[in-house]
Amino acid sequence: MRINRFLASCGVGSRRSVEDVIRAGRVTLDGEKVKSLSIQVGDDSIVEVDGQPAAVAERPPLRESSS
């Protein structure tokens, strides 16, 4: 998954807005500043924004409709 899509799924912002965050040098991948928007994030990658870990937010379970 590309870094901008990953960060958007973490709730950092929209895919377009996180591109600005990346360009500002606020994102690290495995301890190194991200310089390219085309970086791929793997399952074992550690991504941080402003020194804080970014993790994909889990979706709440869907409610069953009572009918």
Protein backbone atom coordinates (compact mmCIF):
# COMPACT_ATOMS: atom_id res chain seq x y z
CA MET A 1 0.00 0.00 0.00
CA ARG A 2 1.31 3.45 -0.84
CA ILE A 3 2.26 5.70 2.08
CA ASN A 4 -0.44 8.31 1.40
CA ARG A 5 -3.20 5.70 1.35
CA PHE A 6 -1.84 4.09 4.52
CA LEU A 7 -1.78 7.41 6.39
CA ALA A 8 -5.30 8.24 5.19
CA SER A 9 -6.52 4.88 6.51
CA CYS A 10 -4.90 5.76 9.86
CA GLY A 11 -7.03 8.90 10.05
CA VAL A 12 -4.17 11.37 9.58
CA GLY A 13 -6.09 13.12 6.80
CA SER A 14 -7.23 12.68 3.23
CA ARG A 15 -4.83 11.15 0.73
CA ARG A 16 -4.20 14.58 -0.76
CA SER A 17 -3.67 16.31 2.57
CA VAL A 18 -1.22 13.68 3.84
CA GLU A 19 0.90 14.32 0.75
CA ASP A 20 1.59 17.79 2.20
CA VAL A 21 2.49 16.20 5.55
CA ILE A 22 4.96 13.88 3.75
CA ARG A 23 6.48 16.74 1.74
CA ALA A 24 6.96 18.71 4.97
CA GLY A 25 9.22 15.91 6.25
CA ARG A 26 6.96 14.97 9.15
CA VAL A 27 6.71 11.25 8.26
CA THR A 28 9.24 8.49 8.93
CA LEU A 29 9.19 4.91 7.70
CA ASP A 30 11.30 2.48 9.72
CA GLY A 31 13.19 5.43 11.23
CA GLU A 32 14.01 7.20 7.93
CA LYS A 33 12.32 10.36 6.64
CA VAL A 34 9.99 9.66 3.74
CA LYS A 35 11.07 11.65 0.69
CA SER A 36 8.93 10.02 -1.99
CA LEU A 37 5.17 9.76 -2.27
CA SER A 38 5.50 6.42 -4.05
CA ILE A 39 6.98 4.57 -1.04
CA GLN A 40 5.21 1.29 -0.28
CA VAL A 41 4.34 0.38 3.31
CA GLY A 42 4.71 -3.28 4.23
CA ASP A 43 3.01 -5.25 6.97
CA ASP A 44 6.08 -5.01 9.23
CA SER A 45 6.78 -1.32 8.55
CA ILE A 46 6.86 1.23 11.36
CA VAL A 47 5.37 4.55 10.28
CA GLU A 48 5.46 7.67 12.45
CA VAL A 49 4.01 11.15 11.99
CA ASP A 50 5.61 13.86 14.13
CA GLY A 51 7.25 11.11 16.19
CA GLN A 52 3.94 9.39 16.98
CA PRO A 53 3.21 5.90 15.64
CA ALA A 54 0.56 5.67 12.95
CA ALA A 55 -1.65 2.59 12.91
CA VAL A 56 -4.66 1.65 10.86
CA ALA A 57 -7.78 2.25 12.88
CA GLU A 58 -9.90 -0.84 13.26
CA ARG A 59 -13.44 -0.51 12.05
CA PRO A 60 -16.14 -1.05 14.64
CA PRO A 61 -18.28 -4.13 14.07
CA LEU A 62 -21.41 -3.56 12.06
CA ARG A 63 -24.59 -3.60 14.05
CA GLU A 64 -27.13 -6.18 13.13
CA SER A 65 -30.42 -4.68 12.23
CA SER A 66 -33.31 -5.75 14.39
CA SER A 67 -36.32 -6.45 12.28
